[in-house]
């Protein structure tokens, strides 16, 4: 629950910034439908442009794994196995 609130707070902050006067420079470089990601120590944030506005969302661990190919998933599972 606490994690969800923190993710919601991060999403709102990025949305407010990117859709405000200071974010115009960033958003003007994106074509409609384009997106980019920002990776921090704890989060991966995906920002896309839809209807001229920034749409911000946090990428979850499940989504990160589902975007990988089979070989990459196997490497992750092998590393996790070796850690235990």
N, C-alpha and C. Protein backbone atom coordinates (compact mmCIF):
# COMPACT_ATOMS: atom_id res chain seq x y z
N UNK A 1 0.82 -1.19 0.00
CA UNK A 1 0.00 0.00 0.00
C UNK A 1 0.87 1.26 0.00
N UNK A 2 1.88 1.28 0.86
CA UNK A 2 2.77 2.43 0.92
C UNK A 2 3.51 2.61 -0.40
N UNK A 3 3.91 1.50 -0.99
CA UNK A 3 4.62 1.55 -2.27
C UNK A 3 3.73 2.14 -3.36
N UNK A 4 2.45 1.79 -3.36
CA UNK A 4 1.51 2.33 -4.34
C UNK A 4 1.37 3.84 -4.19
N UNK A 5 1.31 4.31 -2.95
CA UNK A 5 1.19 5.75 -2.72
C UNK A 5 2.44 6.49 -3.20
N UNK A 6 3.60 5.89 -2.98
CA UNK A 6 4.86 6.51 -3.44
C UNK A 6 4.91 6.55 -4.96
N UNK A 7 4.49 5.49 -5.61
CA UNK A 7 4.47 5.46 -7.08
C UNK A 7 3.49 6.48 -7.63
N UNK A 8 2.34 6.61 -6.98
CA UNK A 8 1.35 7.59 -7.41
C UNK A 8 1.90 9.01 -7.26
N UNK A 9 2.61 9.25 -6.17
CA UNK A 9 3.22 10.57 -5.94
C UNK A 9 4.25 10.90 -7.02
N UNK A 10 5.09 9.92 -7.35
CA UNK A 10 6.11 10.11 -8.39
C UNK A 10 5.45 10.40 -9.73
N UNK A 11 4.42 9.63 -10.06
CA UNK A 11 3.70 9.82 -11.32
C UNK A 11 3.10 11.21 -11.41
N UNK A 12 2.48 11.67 -10.33
CA UNK A 12 1.88 13.02 -10.31
C UNK A 12 2.94 14.11 -10.47
N UNK A 13 4.08 13.95 -9.79
CA UNK A 13 5.14 14.96 -9.89
C UNK A 13 5.66 15.08 -11.32
N UNK A 14 5.97 13.93 -11.95
CA UNK A 14 6.45 13.96 -13.34
C UNK A 14 5.39 14.54 -14.27
N UNK A 15 4.13 14.15 -14.08
CA UNK A 15 3.05 14.65 -14.93
C UNK A 15 2.90 16.16 -14.81
N UNK A 16 2.91 16.64 -13.58
CA UNK A 16 2.77 18.08 -13.35
C UNK A 16 3.92 18.85 -14.01
N UNK A 17 5.14 18.37 -13.84
CA UNK A 17 6.31 19.03 -14.42
C UNK A 17 6.25 19.01 -15.95
N UNK A 18 6.04 17.82 -16.52
CA UNK A 18 6.10 17.69 -17.98
C UNK A 18 4.94 18.36 -18.69
N UNK A 19 3.80 18.47 -18.05
CA UNK A 19 2.64 19.13 -18.65
C UNK A 19 2.56 20.61 -18.29
N UNK A 20 3.54 21.10 -17.54
CA UNK A 20 3.58 22.51 -17.17
C UNK A 20 4.54 23.28 -18.06
N UNK A 21 4.75 24.56 -17.76
CA UNK A 21 5.60 25.42 -18.59
C UNK A 21 7.05 24.93 -18.70
N UNK A 22 7.57 24.33 -17.64
CA UNK A 22 8.96 23.87 -17.70
C UNK A 22 9.14 22.61 -18.54
N UNK A 23 8.09 21.83 -18.71
CA UNK A 23 8.18 20.59 -19.48
C UNK A 23 7.97 20.75 -20.97
N UNK A 24 7.62 21.94 -21.41
CA UNK A 24 7.36 22.16 -22.84
C UNK A 24 8.58 21.80 -23.69
N UNK A 25 9.76 22.14 -23.20
CA UNK A 25 10.98 21.84 -23.95
C UNK A 25 11.18 20.36 -24.16
N UNK A 26 10.84 19.57 -23.17
CA UNK A 26 10.98 18.11 -23.27
C UNK A 26 9.91 17.56 -24.20
N UNK A 27 8.67 17.93 -23.95
CA UNK A 27 7.55 17.35 -24.70
C UNK A 27 7.53 17.78 -26.16
N UNK A 28 8.07 18.96 -26.45
CA UNK A 28 8.08 19.42 -27.85
C UNK A 28 9.00 18.57 -28.73
N UNK A 29 9.92 17.83 -28.11
CA UNK A 29 10.82 16.97 -28.87
C UNK A 29 10.22 15.60 -29.16
N UNK A 30 9.09 15.30 -28.55
CA UNK A 30 8.45 14.01 -28.78
C UNK A 30 7.35 14.15 -29.83
N UNK A 31 7.29 13.18 -30.71
CA UNK A 31 6.17 13.08 -31.65
C UNK A 31 5.00 12.43 -30.93
N UNK A 32 3.81 12.66 -31.41
CA UNK A 32 2.62 12.03 -30.85
C UNK A 32 2.79 10.51 -30.84
N UNK A 33 2.57 9.89 -29.69
CA UNK A 33 2.70 8.43 -29.55
C UNK A 33 4.09 7.96 -29.17
N UNK A 34 5.09 8.82 -29.26
CA UNK A 34 6.45 8.44 -28.86
C UNK A 34 6.56 8.37 -27.35
N UNK A 35 7.55 7.60 -26.89
CA UNK A 35 7.77 7.51 -25.45
C UNK A 35 9.25 7.38 -25.16
N UNK A 36 9.60 7.60 -23.91
CA UNK A 36 10.97 7.37 -23.45
C UNK A 36 10.89 6.91 -22.00
N UNK A 37 11.97 6.34 -21.52
CA UNK A 37 12.00 5.86 -20.15
C UNK A 37 13.11 6.55 -19.37
N UNK A 38 12.88 6.68 -18.09
CA UNK A 38 13.87 7.21 -17.15
C UNK A 38 14.06 6.14 -16.10
N UNK A 39 15.30 5.76 -15.89
CA UNK A 39 15.59 4.74 -14.89
C UNK A 39 16.32 5.39 -13.72
N UNK A 40 15.76 5.19 -12.54
CA UNK A 40 16.43 5.64 -11.32
C UNK A 40 16.84 4.39 -10.54
N UNK A 41 17.33 4.59 -9.36
CA UNK A 41 17.77 3.46 -8.56
C UNK A 41 16.62 2.50 -8.25
N UNK A 42 15.44 3.04 -8.00
CA UNK A 42 14.31 2.21 -7.59
C UNK A 42 13.19 2.08 -8.61
N UNK A 43 13.14 2.95 -9.60
CA UNK A 43 11.98 3.00 -10.50
C UNK A 43 12.42 3.06 -11.96
N UNK A 44 11.54 2.59 -12.80
CA UNK A 44 11.63 2.88 -14.23
C UNK A 44 10.33 3.59 -14.57
N UNK A 45 10.45 4.81 -15.10
CA UNK A 45 9.30 5.64 -15.42
C UNK A 45 9.20 5.73 -16.94
N UNK A 46 8.03 5.40 -17.48
CA UNK A 46 7.81 5.53 -18.93
C UNK A 46 6.94 6.75 -19.17
N UNK A 47 7.41 7.63 -20.04
CA UNK A 47 6.69 8.85 -20.38
C UNK A 47 6.36 8.78 -21.86
N UNK A 48 5.08 8.95 -22.17
CA UNK A 48 4.66 8.95 -23.57
C UNK A 48 3.83 10.20 -23.84
N UNK A 49 3.74 10.55 -25.11
CA UNK A 49 2.98 11.73 -25.50
C UNK A 49 1.70 11.27 -26.18
N UNK A 50 0.57 11.62 -25.57
CA UNK A 50 -0.74 11.28 -26.11
C UNK A 50 -1.63 12.51 -26.06
N UNK A 51 -2.19 12.85 -27.21
CA UNK A 51 -3.03 14.05 -27.32
C UNK A 51 -2.30 15.29 -26.84
N UNK A 52 -1.00 15.35 -27.12
CA UNK A 52 -0.19 16.51 -26.79
C UNK A 52 0.23 16.61 -25.33
N UNK A 53 -0.14 15.64 -24.51
CA UNK A 53 0.16 15.66 -23.09
C UNK A 53 1.06 14.50 -22.70
N UNK A 54 1.81 14.70 -21.63
CA UNK A 54 2.66 13.63 -21.10
C UNK A 54 1.79 12.66 -20.31
N UNK A 55 1.94 11.38 -20.61
CA UNK A 55 1.31 10.31 -19.84
C UNK A 55 2.46 9.59 -19.14
N UNK A 56 2.40 9.55 -17.82
CA UNK A 56 3.50 9.03 -17.02
C UNK A 56 3.03 7.79 -16.28
N UNK A 57 3.86 6.73 -16.32
CA UNK A 57 3.54 5.55 -15.52
C UNK A 57 4.80 4.85 -15.07
N UNK A 58 4.70 4.18 -13.95
CA UNK A 58 5.80 3.41 -13.39
C UNK A 58 5.76 2.02 -13.99
N UNK A 59 6.91 1.54 -14.45
CA UNK A 59 7.02 0.19 -14.97
C UNK A 59 7.28 -0.74 -13.78
N UNK A 60 6.45 -1.76 -13.64
CA UNK A 60 6.59 -2.69 -12.52
C UNK A 60 7.59 -3.78 -12.86
N UNK A 61 8.01 -4.53 -11.84
CA UNK A 61 8.93 -5.65 -12.06
C UNK A 61 8.34 -6.68 -13.01
N UNK A 62 7.04 -6.96 -12.90
CA UNK A 62 6.41 -7.93 -13.79
C UNK A 62 6.49 -7.47 -15.24
N UNK A 63 6.26 -6.19 -15.49
CA UNK A 63 6.35 -5.65 -16.84
C UNK A 63 7.77 -5.71 -17.36
N UNK A 64 8.75 -5.43 -16.49
CA UNK A 64 10.16 -5.48 -16.90
C UNK A 64 10.50 -6.87 -17.39
N UNK A 65 10.09 -7.89 -16.65
CA UNK A 65 10.41 -9.26 -17.02
C UNK A 65 9.67 -9.67 -18.28
N UNK A 66 8.41 -9.26 -18.44
CA UNK A 66 7.64 -9.68 -19.61
C UNK A 66 8.19 -9.08 -20.90
N UNK A 67 8.92 -7.98 -20.81
CA UNK A 67 9.49 -7.36 -22.01
C UNK A 67 10.79 -8.03 -22.46
N UNK A 68 11.34 -8.90 -21.62
CA UNK A 68 12.59 -9.56 -21.95
C UNK A 68 12.34 -10.76 -22.84
N UNK A 69 13.35 -11.15 -23.61
CA UNK A 69 13.22 -12.37 -24.38
C UNK A 69 13.57 -13.58 -23.51
N UNK A 70 13.37 -14.77 -24.03
CA UNK A 70 13.58 -16.00 -23.26
C UNK A 70 14.97 -16.15 -22.69
N UNK A 71 16.00 -15.81 -23.46
CA UNK A 71 17.38 -15.95 -22.99
C UNK A 71 17.63 -15.03 -21.79
N UNK A 72 17.15 -13.79 -21.87
CA UNK A 72 17.34 -12.84 -20.78
C UNK A 72 16.62 -13.31 -19.52
N UNK A 73 15.41 -13.87 -19.66
CA UNK A 73 14.67 -14.38 -18.51
C UNK A 73 15.43 -15.52 -17.86
N UNK A 74 16.00 -16.39 -18.67
CA UNK A 74 16.77 -17.52 -18.15
C UNK A 74 17.97 -17.02 -17.35
N UNK A 75 18.67 -16.00 -17.86
CA UNK A 75 19.83 -15.45 -17.15
C UNK A 75 19.43 -14.88 -15.80
N UNK A 76 18.28 -14.20 -15.74
CA UNK A 76 17.80 -13.64 -14.47
C UNK A 76 17.51 -14.76 -13.49
N UNK A 77 16.82 -15.80 -13.95
CA UNK A 77 16.48 -16.91 -13.05
C UNK A 77 17.74 -17.63 -12.58
N UNK A 78 18.74 -17.75 -13.45
CA UNK A 78 19.99 -18.40 -13.05
C UNK A 78 20.69 -17.59 -11.96
N UNK A 79 20.73 -16.27 -12.12
CA UNK A 79 21.37 -15.41 -11.13
C UNK A 79 20.63 -15.49 -9.80
N UNK A 80 19.30 -15.48 -9.85
CA UNK A 80 18.52 -15.57 -8.61
C UNK A 80 18.75 -16.91 -7.93
N UNK A 81 18.87 -17.98 -8.71
CA UNK A 81 19.12 -19.31 -8.15
C UNK A 81 20.48 -19.36 -7.46
N UNK A 82 21.48 -18.76 -8.10
CA UNK A 82 22.83 -18.78 -7.54
C UNK A 82 22.91 -17.97 -6.24
N UNK A 83 22.09 -16.93 -6.11
CA UNK A 83 22.07 -16.11 -4.90
C UNK A 83 21.52 -16.88 -3.70
N UNK A 84 20.60 -17.80 -3.96
CA UNK A 84 19.95 -18.50 -2.84
C UNK A 84 20.74 -19.67 -2.33
